[in-house]
């Protein structure tokens, strides 16, 4: 649909750059995936947990819009310092979740004004508290939409790095898919030499071959300031924090 991507990107960038605390962020990265991309049908097997197909959330789904909001360099400098628990990281986590929810609601309202149906999942708190899994992975959609690749840290690394937050919205209008990168943005996967995220993990939950989400979560539960905050940023604080490696 002509001009639709411009409308979407304008809303996302306005919400980020005109935020009352815009000093926390850099320019958002936005990508598009076909709701019928074959990878969606394979995600349950790939992630080894039941994943919803976009059509299970919106039966008329045609496109999945994904947006990544990178944190500012000043925040990244804080998490790359000597402290494992960084107040600014926790603050950004809570504030950005609210920002992502506002973006999703504004996009949905604007699109509905144009006769386009849209549905979005919350940025967090939509996971099984026992298995620590979610049925809609913003990270997986980010890969399918071409805005990043998975890193050794089990996070999405984008051209603007991995320190940031993801959101997505499913719509029943066609937007051409974003081309996916041909190689990984992760320095370890490119050269085999960088393991900073593994070395900095304070729990041993992250290794070269595995990620123990239960061990990680137990540590976070012990360090949280309150239920909506997250204290540890170590897996996001390596050389890929602010940029991906082409």
C-alpha atoms as a PDB file:
ATOM      1  CA  UNK A   1       0.000   0.000   0.000  1.00  0.00           C
ATOM      2  CA  UNK A   2       1.546   3.272  -1.174  1.00  0.00           C
ATOM      3  CA  UNK A   3       2.958   5.423   1.602  1.00  0.00           C
ATOM      4  CA  UNK A   4       2.064   3.011   4.392  1.00  0.00           C
ATOM      5  CA  UNK A   5       5.652   2.318   5.387  1.00  0.00           C
ATOM      6  CA  UNK A   6       6.270   6.072   5.544  1.00  0.00           C
ATOM      7  CA  UNK A   7       3.343   6.514   7.935  1.00  0.00           C
ATOM      8  CA  UNK A   8       4.575   3.689  10.152  1.00  0.00           C
ATOM      9  CA  UNK A   9       8.175   4.861  10.211  1.00  0.00           C
ATOM     10  CA  UNK A  10       7.169   8.458  10.920  1.00  0.00           C
ATOM     11  CA  UNK A  11       5.122   7.402  13.945  1.00  0.00           C
ATOM     12  CA  UNK A  12       7.872   5.199  15.355  1.00  0.00           C
ATOM     13  CA  UNK A  13      10.611   7.803  14.885  1.00  0.00           C
ATOM     14  CA  UNK A  14       8.428  10.614  16.279  1.00  0.00           C
ATOM     15  CA  UNK A  15       7.664   8.642  19.424  1.00  0.00           C
ATOM     16  CA  UNK A  16      11.356   7.893  19.958  1.00  0.00           C
ATOM     17  CA  UNK A  17      12.972  11.215  19.048  1.00  0.00           C
ATOM     18  CA  UNK A  18      10.249  13.412  20.590  1.00  0.00           C
ATOM     19  CA  UNK A  19      10.067  11.384  23.796  1.00  0.00           C
ATOM     20  CA  UNK A  20      10.417  13.567  26.870  1.00  0.00           C
ATOM     21  CA  UNK A  21      13.537  11.565  27.721  1.00  0.00           C
ATOM     22  CA  UNK A  22      14.837  11.144  24.178  1.00  0.00           C
ATOM     23  CA  UNK A  23      18.418  11.366  25.499  1.00  0.00           C
ATOM     24  CA  UNK A  24      18.001   7.678  26.286  1.00  0.00           C
ATOM     25  CA  UNK A  25      17.745   6.625  22.635  1.00  0.00           C
ATOM     26  CA  UNK A  26      19.161   6.635  19.135  1.00  0.00           C
ATOM     27  CA  UNK A  27      17.184   6.454  15.901  1.00  0.00           C
ATOM     28  CA  UNK A  28      14.932   3.389  15.624  1.00  0.00           C
ATOM     29  CA  UNK A  29      15.466   0.617  13.083  1.00  0.00           C
ATOM     30  CA  UNK A  30      12.306  -0.639  11.359  1.00  0.00           C
ATOM     31  CA  UNK A  31      11.832  -3.747   9.240  1.00  0.00           C
ATOM     32  CA  UNK A  32       9.046  -5.713   7.583  1.00  0.00           C
ATOM     33  CA  UNK A  33       8.375  -9.434   7.233  1.00  0.00           C
ATOM     34  CA  UNK A  34       5.722 -11.233   5.233  1.00  0.00           C
ATOM     35  CA  UNK A  35       3.257 -12.918   7.584  1.00  0.00           C
ATOM     36  CA  UNK A  36       3.529 -15.901   5.248  1.00  0.00           C
ATOM     37  CA  UNK A  37       7.318 -16.138   5.445  1.00  0.00           C
ATOM     38  CA  UNK A  38       8.111 -19.881   5.684  1.00  0.00           C
ATOM     39  CA  UNK A  39      10.219 -19.266   8.797  1.00  0.00           C
ATOM     40  CA  UNK A  40       7.082 -18.546  10.843  1.00  0.00           C
ATOM     41  CA  UNK A  41       5.852 -22.103  10.243  1.00  0.00           C
ATOM     42  CA  UNK A  42       9.212 -23.462  11.467  1.00  0.00           C
ATOM     43  CA  UNK A  43       9.682 -21.319  14.581  1.00  0.00           C
ATOM     44  CA  UNK A  44       8.216 -23.824  17.052  1.00  0.00           C
ATOM     45  CA  UNK A  45      10.760 -26.401  15.937  1.00  0.00           C
ATOM     46  CA  UNK A  46      13.632 -23.902  15.769  1.00  0.00           C
ATOM     47  CA  UNK A  47      12.969 -22.384  19.204  1.00  0.00           C
ATOM     48  CA  UNK A  48      11.762 -25.675  20.698  1.00  0.00           C
ATOM     49  CA  UNK A  49       8.681 -24.047  22.192  1.00  0.00           C
ATOM     50  CA  UNK A  50       5.228 -23.409  20.756  1.00  0.00           C
ATOM     51  CA  UNK A  51       5.194 -20.198  18.713  1.00  0.00           C
ATOM     52  CA  UNK A  52       2.107 -18.483  17.363  1.00  0.00           C
ATOM     53  CA  UNK A  53       1.895 -17.913  13.626  1.00  0.00           C
ATOM     54  CA  UNK A  54       0.959 -14.302  12.758  1.00  0.00           C
ATOM     55  CA  UNK A  55      -2.381 -15.618  11.402  1.00  0.00           C
ATOM     56  CA  UNK A  56      -3.196 -17.027  14.843  1.00  0.00           C
ATOM     57  CA  UNK A  57      -3.017 -13.500  16.244  1.00  0.00           C
ATOM     58  CA  UNK A  58      -4.597 -11.755  13.245  1.00  0.00           C
ATOM     59  CA  UNK A  59      -6.334 -14.155  10.825  1.00  0.00           C
ATOM     60  CA  UNK A  60      -5.976 -11.693   7.931  1.00  0.00           C
ATOM     61  CA  UNK A  61      -2.289 -10.976   8.665  1.00  0.00           C
ATOM     62  CA  UNK A  62      -0.130  -9.950   5.716  1.00  0.00           C
ATOM     63  CA  UNK A  63       2.857  -8.098   7.224  1.00  0.00           C
ATOM     64  CA  UNK A  64       4.739  -8.094  10.523  1.00  0.00           C
ATOM     65  CA  UNK A  65       6.308  -4.726  11.361  1.00  0.00           C
ATOM     66  CA  UNK A  66       9.274  -4.852  13.758  1.00  0.00           C
ATOM     67  CA  UNK A  67      11.016  -1.895  15.386  1.00  0.00           C
ATOM     68  CA  UNK A  68      14.209  -1.812  17.442  1.00  0.00           C
ATOM     69  CA  UNK A  69      14.936   1.170  19.682  1.00  0.00           C
ATOM     70  CA  UNK A  70      18.688   1.377  20.380  1.00  0.00           C
ATOM     71  CA  UNK A  71      19.832   2.872  23.646  1.00  0.00           C
ATOM     72  CA  UNK A  72      22.008   5.978  23.673  1.00  0.00           C
ATOM     73  CA  UNK A  73      25.782   5.795  23.780  1.00  0.00           C
ATOM     74  CA  UNK A  74      25.744   7.319  27.263  1.00  0.00           C
ATOM     75  CA  UNK A  75      23.626   4.423  28.567  1.00  0.00           C
ATOM     76  CA  UNK A  76      25.925   1.955  26.818  1.00  0.00           C
ATOM     77  CA  UNK A  77      28.969   3.537  28.448  1.00  0.00           C
ATOM     78  CA  UNK A  78      27.294   2.979  31.821  1.00  0.00           C
ATOM     79  CA  UNK A  79      26.656  -0.731  31.239  1.00  0.00           C
ATOM     80  CA  UNK A  80      30.196  -1.209  29.929  1.00  0.00           C
ATOM     81  CA  UNK A  81      31.585   0.093  33.200  1.00  0.00           C
ATOM     82  CA  UNK A  82      32.694  -1.895  36.216  1.00  0.00           C
ATOM     83  CA  UNK A  83      29.241  -2.319  37.802  1.00  0.00           C
ATOM     84  CA  UNK A  84      27.148  -5.376  36.958  1.00  0.00           C
ATOM     85  CA  UNK A  85      23.913  -3.802  38.211  1.00  0.00           C
ATOM     86  CA  UNK A  86      23.327  -0.430  36.561  1.00  0.00           C
ATOM     87  CA  UNK A  87      20.403   1.772  37.593  1.00  0.00           C
ATOM     88  CA  UNK A  88      20.195   3.475  34.184  1.00  0.00           C
ATOM     89  CA  UNK A  89      19.680   0.094  32.486  1.00  0.00           C
ATOM     90  CA  UNK A  90      16.777  -0.715  34.800  1.00  0.00           C
ATOM     91  CA  UNK A  91      15.277   2.730  34.217  1.00  0.00           C
ATOM     92  CA  UNK A  92      15.560   2.338  30.445  1.00  0.00           C
ATOM     93  CA  UNK A  93      13.941  -1.099  30.602  1.00  0.00           C
ATOM     94  CA  UNK A  94      10.814   0.218  32.331  1.00  0.00           C
ATOM     95  CA  UNK A  95      10.571   3.491  30.395  1.00  0.00           C
ATOM     96  CA  UNK A  96      11.114   1.821  27.013  1.00  0.00           C
ATOM     97  CA  UNK A  97       8.483  -0.833  27.681  1.00  0.00           C
ATOM     98  CA  UNK A  98       5.974   1.983  28.141  1.00  0.00           C
ATOM     99  CA  UNK A  99       7.260   3.666  24.976  1.00  0.00           C
ATOM    100  CA  UNK A 100       6.872   0.455  22.950  1.00  0.00           C
ATOM    101  CA  UNK A 101       3.328  -0.016  24.194  1.00  0.00           C
ATOM    102  CA  UNK A 102       2.512   3.588  23.220  1.00  0.00           C
ATOM    103  CA  UNK A 103       3.989   3.049  19.747  1.00  0.00           C
ATOM    104  CA  UNK A 104       1.934  -0.103  19.278  1.00  0.00           C
ATOM    105  CA  UNK A 105      -1.297   1.599  20.351  1.00  0.00           C
ATOM    106  CA  UNK A 106      -0.669   4.658  18.184  1.00  0.00           C
ATOM    107  CA  UNK A 107       0.167   2.535  15.139  1.00  0.00           C
ATOM    108  CA  UNK A 108      -2.921   0.408  15.649  1.00  0.00           C
ATOM    109  CA  UNK A 109      -5.196   3.453  15.914  1.00  0.00           C
ATOM    110  CA  UNK A 110      -3.670   5.161  12.862  1.00  0.00           C
ATOM    111  CA  UNK A 111      -3.884   2.032  10.750  1.00  0.00           C
ATOM    112  CA  UNK A 112      -7.463   1.356  11.801  1.00  0.00           C
ATOM    113  CA  UNK A 113      -8.338   4.888  10.649  1.00  0.00           C
ATOM    114  CA  UNK A 114      -7.154   3.753   7.201  1.00  0.00           C
ATOM    115  CA  UNK A 115      -9.218   0.572   7.331  1.00  0.00           C
ATOM    116  CA  UNK A 116      -6.256  -1.648   8.200  1.00  0.00           C
ATOM    117  CA  UNK A 117      -6.571  -4.176  11.007  1.00  0.00           C
ATOM    118  CA  UNK A 118      -3.628  -4.472  13.389  1.00  0.00           C
ATOM    119  CA  UNK A 119      -2.710  -6.413  16.514  1.00  0.00           C
ATOM    120  CA  UNK A 120       0.343  -6.177  18.741  1.00  0.00           C
ATOM    121  CA  UNK A 121       1.761  -8.150  21.624  1.00  0.00           C
ATOM    122  CA  UNK A 122       3.150  -6.363  24.706  1.00  0.00           C
ATOM    123  CA  UNK A 123       6.941  -5.839  24.838  1.00  0.00           C
ATOM    124  CA  UNK A 124       7.262  -7.951  27.990  1.00  0.00           C
ATOM    125  CA  UNK A 125       5.290  -9.813  30.705  1.00  0.00           C
ATOM    126  CA  UNK A 126       3.670 -12.037  28.064  1.00  0.00           C
ATOM    127  CA  UNK A 127       5.683 -15.132  28.956  1.00  0.00           C
ATOM    128  CA  UNK A 128       4.992 -18.381  30.803  1.00  0.00           C
ATOM    129  CA  UNK A 129       6.318 -17.771  34.352  1.00  0.00           C
ATOM    130  CA  UNK A 130       7.123 -21.453  34.794  1.00  0.00           C
ATOM    131  CA  UNK A 131       8.819 -22.314  31.511  1.00  0.00           C
ATOM    132  CA  UNK A 132      10.058 -18.731  30.932  1.00  0.00           C
ATOM    133  CA  UNK A 133       8.980 -18.913  27.302  1.00  0.00           C
ATOM    134  CA  UNK A 134       6.697 -16.769  25.169  1.00  0.00           C
ATOM    135  CA  UNK A 135       4.423 -17.719  22.283  1.00  0.00           C
ATOM    136  CA  UNK A 136       5.339 -14.591  20.309  1.00  0.00           C
ATOM    137  CA  UNK A 137       9.022 -13.819  19.926  1.00  0.00           C
ATOM    138  CA  UNK A 138       9.830 -10.221  18.980  1.00  0.00           C
ATOM    139  CA  UNK A 139      13.427 -11.386  18.528  1.00  0.00           C
ATOM    140  CA  UNK A 140      12.492 -14.054  16.002  1.00  0.00           C
ATOM    141  CA  UNK A 141      10.378 -11.570  14.055  1.00  0.00           C
ATOM    142  CA  UNK A 142      13.303  -9.129  14.087  1.00  0.00           C
ATOM    143  CA  UNK A 143      15.443 -11.750  12.354  1.00  0.00           C
ATOM    144  CA  UNK A 144      12.710 -12.610   9.857  1.00  0.00           C
ATOM    145  CA  UNK A 145      12.193  -8.888   9.159  1.00  0.00           C
ATOM    146  CA  UNK A 146      15.899  -8.442   8.456  1.00  0.00           C
ATOM    147  CA  UNK A 147      16.753  -5.876  11.127  1.00  0.00           C
ATOM    148  CA  UNK A 148      19.242  -8.052  12.963  1.00  0.00           C
ATOM    149  CA  UNK A 149      20.769 -11.482  13.563  1.00  0.00           C
ATOM    150  CA  UNK A 150      21.082 -13.618  16.668  1.00  0.00           C
ATOM    151  CA  UNK A 151      24.391 -13.297  18.492  1.00  0.00           C
ATOM    152  CA  UNK A 152      26.287 -15.577  20.841  1.00  0.00           C
ATOM    153  CA  UNK A 153      24.534 -13.629  23.613  1.00  0.00           C
ATOM    154  CA  UNK A 154      21.164 -15.036  22.398  1.00  0.00           C
ATOM    155  CA  UNK A 155      20.061 -11.473  21.706  1.00  0.00           C
ATOM    156  CA  UNK A 156      19.410  -9.624  18.457  1.00  0.00           C
ATOM    157  CA  UNK A 157      22.363  -7.691  17.110  1.00  0.00           C
ATOM    158  CA  UNK A 158      21.374  -4.921  14.689  1.00  0.00           C
ATOM    159  CA  UNK A 159      23.513  -2.413  12.742  1.00  0.00           C
ATOM    160  CA  UNK A 160      23.016  -0.195  15.821  1.00  0.00           C
ATOM    161  CA  UNK A 161      24.006  -2.936  18.220  1.00  0.00           C
ATOM    162  CA  UNK A 162      22.174  -5.083  20.718  1.00  0.00           C
ATOM    163  CA  UNK A 163      21.530  -2.694  23.632  1.00  0.00           C
ATOM    164  CA  UNK A 164      17.903  -1.694  23.143  1.00  0.00           C
ATOM    165  CA  UNK A 165      14.336  -2.980  23.050  1.00  0.00           C
ATOM    166  CA  UNK A 166      12.122  -4.571  20.389  1.00  0.00           C
ATOM    167  CA  UNK A 167       8.464  -4.242  19.498  1.00  0.00           C
ATOM    168  CA  UNK A 168       6.292  -5.566  16.686  1.00  0.00           C
ATOM    169  CA  UNK A 169       2.826  -5.215  15.218  1.00  0.00           C
ATOM    170  CA  UNK A 170       0.925  -7.466  12.807  1.00  0.00           C
ATOM    171  CA  UNK A 171      -1.155  -5.816  10.075  1.00  0.00           C
ATOM    172  CA  UNK A 172      -3.434  -6.959   7.257  1.00  0.00           C
ATOM    173  CA  UNK A 173      -1.816  -4.805   4.571  1.00  0.00           C
ATOM    174  CA  UNK A 174       1.071  -5.678   2.293  1.00  0.00           C
ATOM    175  CA  UNK A 175       4.457  -3.984   2.714  1.00  0.00           C
ATOM    176  CA  UNK A 176       7.472  -5.389   0.823  1.00  0.00           C
ATOM    177  CA  UNK A 177       9.694  -7.439   3.163  1.00  0.00           C
ATOM    178  CA  UNK A 178      13.041  -6.044   4.260  1.00  0.00           C
ATOM    179  CA  UNK A 179      16.003  -7.919   2.818  1.00  0.00           C
ATOM    180  CA  UNK A 180      17.762 -10.023   5.434  1.00  0.00           C
ATOM    181  CA  UNK A 181      21.515  -9.586   5.964  1.00  0.00           C
ATOM    182  CA  UNK A 182      23.659 -12.224   4.306  1.00  0.00           C
ATOM    183  CA  UNK A 183      26.051 -12.595   7.245  1.00  0.00           C
ATOM    184  CA  UNK A 184      25.851 -12.374  11.024  1.00  0.00           C
ATOM    185  CA  UNK A 185      26.380  -9.102  12.895  1.00  0.00           C
ATOM    186  CA  UNK A 186      27.963 -11.072  15.777  1.00  0.00           C
ATOM    187  CA  UNK A 187      31.738 -10.740  15.975  1.00  0.00           C
ATOM    188  CA  UNK A 188      32.109 -14.216  17.488  1.00  0.00           C
ATOM    189  CA  UNK A 189      30.187 -15.841  14.651  1.00  0.00           C
ATOM    190  CA  UNK A 190      32.245 -13.861  12.140  1.00  0.00           C
ATOM    191  CA  UNK A 191      35.734 -14.407  13.582  1.00  0.00           C
ATOM    192  CA  UNK A 192      35.423 -16.925  16.416  1.00  0.00           C
ATOM    193  CA  UNK A 193      37.437 -14.616  18.662  1.00  0.00           C
ATOM    194  CA  UNK A 194      34.953 -12.501  20.651  1.00  0.00           C
ATOM    195  CA  UNK A 195      33.340 -14.047  23.731  1.00  0.00           C
ATOM    196  CA  UNK A 196      32.926 -10.918  25.828  1.00  0.00           C
ATOM    197  CA  UNK A 197      29.252 -11.640  26.582  1.00  0.00           C
ATOM    198  CA  UNK A 198      30.131 -15.113  27.901  1.00  0.00           C
ATOM    199  CA  UNK A 199      33.065 -13.806  29.929  1.00  0.00           C
ATOM    200  CA  UNK A 200      30.974 -11.015  31.487  1.00  0.00           C
ATOM    201  CA  UNK A 201      27.950 -13.153  32.419  1.00  0.00           C
ATOM    202  CA  UNK A 202      27.930 -13.092  36.255  1.00  0.00           C
ATOM    203  CA  UNK A 203      26.020 -16.391  36.584  1.00  0.00           C
ATOM    204  CA  UNK A 204      27.529 -18.791  34.073  1.00  0.00           C
ATOM    205  CA  UNK A 205      24.118 -19.042  32.431  1.00  0.00           C
ATOM    206  CA  UNK A 206      25.618 -18.067  29.074  1.00  0.00           C
ATOM    207  CA  UNK A 207      28.271 -20.278  27.474  1.00  0.00           C
ATOM    208  CA  UNK A 208      29.607 -20.780  23.958  1.00  0.00           C
ATOM    209  CA  UNK A 209      27.039 -23.524  23.364  1.00  0.00           C
ATOM    210  CA  UNK A 210      24.087 -22.928  25.674  1.00  0.00           C
ATOM    211  CA  UNK A 211      21.961 -20.407  27.530  1.00  0.00           C
ATOM    212  CA  UNK A 212      20.329 -21.457  30.798  1.00  0.00           C
ATOM    213  CA  UNK A 213      17.328 -19.137  31.051  1.00  0.00           C
ATOM    214  CA  UNK A 214      16.371 -20.503  34.478  1.00  0.00           C
ATOM    215  CA  UNK A 215      19.773 -19.700  35.961  1.00  0.00           C
ATOM    216  CA  UNK A 216      19.693 -16.242  34.397  1.00  0.00           C
ATOM    217  CA  UNK A 217      16.175 -15.569  35.686  1.00  0.00           C
ATOM    218  CA  UNK A 218      17.038 -16.699  39.206  1.00  0.00           C
ATOM    219  CA  UNK A 219      19.832 -14.133  39.256  1.00  0.00           C
ATOM    220  CA  UNK A 220      17.549 -11.382  37.934  1.00  0.00           C
ATOM    221  CA  UNK A 221      14.874 -12.222  40.499  1.00  0.00           C
ATOM    222  CA  UNK A 222      17.461 -11.763  43.213  1.00  0.00           C
ATOM    223  CA  UNK A 223      18.707  -8.459  41.817  1.00  0.00           C
ATOM    224  CA  UNK A 224      15.503  -6.772  40.619  1.00  0.00           C
ATOM    225  CA  UNK A 225      14.672  -3.445  42.209  1.00  0.00           C
ATOM    226  CA  UNK A 226      11.012  -4.201  41.643  1.00  0.00           C
ATOM    227  CA  UNK A 227       9.055  -6.523  39.381  1.00  0.00           C
ATOM    228  CA  UNK A 228       9.105  -4.231  36.336  1.00  0.00           C
ATOM    229  CA  UNK A 229      12.843  -3.567  36.419  1.00  0.00           C
ATOM    230  CA  UNK A 230      15.853  -5.511  35.228  1.00  0.00           C
ATOM    231  CA  UNK A 231      19.287  -4.999  36.670  1.00  0.00           C
ATOM    232  CA  UNK A 232      21.847  -7.049  34.730  1.00  0.00           C
ATOM    233  CA  UNK A 233      22.986  -5.832  31.294  1.00  0.00           C
ATOM    234  CA  UNK A 234      26.174  -7.842  30.922  1.00  0.00           C
ATOM    235  CA  UNK A 235      25.139  -9.888  27.874  1.00  0.00           C
ATOM    236  CA  UNK A 236      24.303  -6.592  26.122  1.00  0.00           C
ATOM    237  CA  UNK A 237      27.496  -4.783  27.083  1.00  0.00           C
ATOM    238  CA  UNK A 238      30.141  -6.264  24.797  1.00  0.00           C
ATOM    239  CA  UNK A 239      31.609  -4.634  21.664  1.00  0.00           C
ATOM    240  CA  UNK A 240      28.275  -5.288  19.898  1.00  0.00           C
ATOM    241  CA  UNK A 241      26.380  -3.092  22.381  1.00  0.00           C
ATOM    242  CA  UNK A 242      26.368  -0.051  20.086  1.00  0.00           C
ATOM    243  CA  UNK A 243      26.976  -1.588  16.649  1.00  0.00           C
ATOM    244  CA  UNK A 244      26.804  -4.765  14.643  1.00  0.00           C
ATOM    245  CA  UNK A 245      29.803  -6.030  12.714  1.00  0.00           C
ATOM    246  CA  UNK A 246      29.235  -6.303   8.971  1.00  0.00           C
END
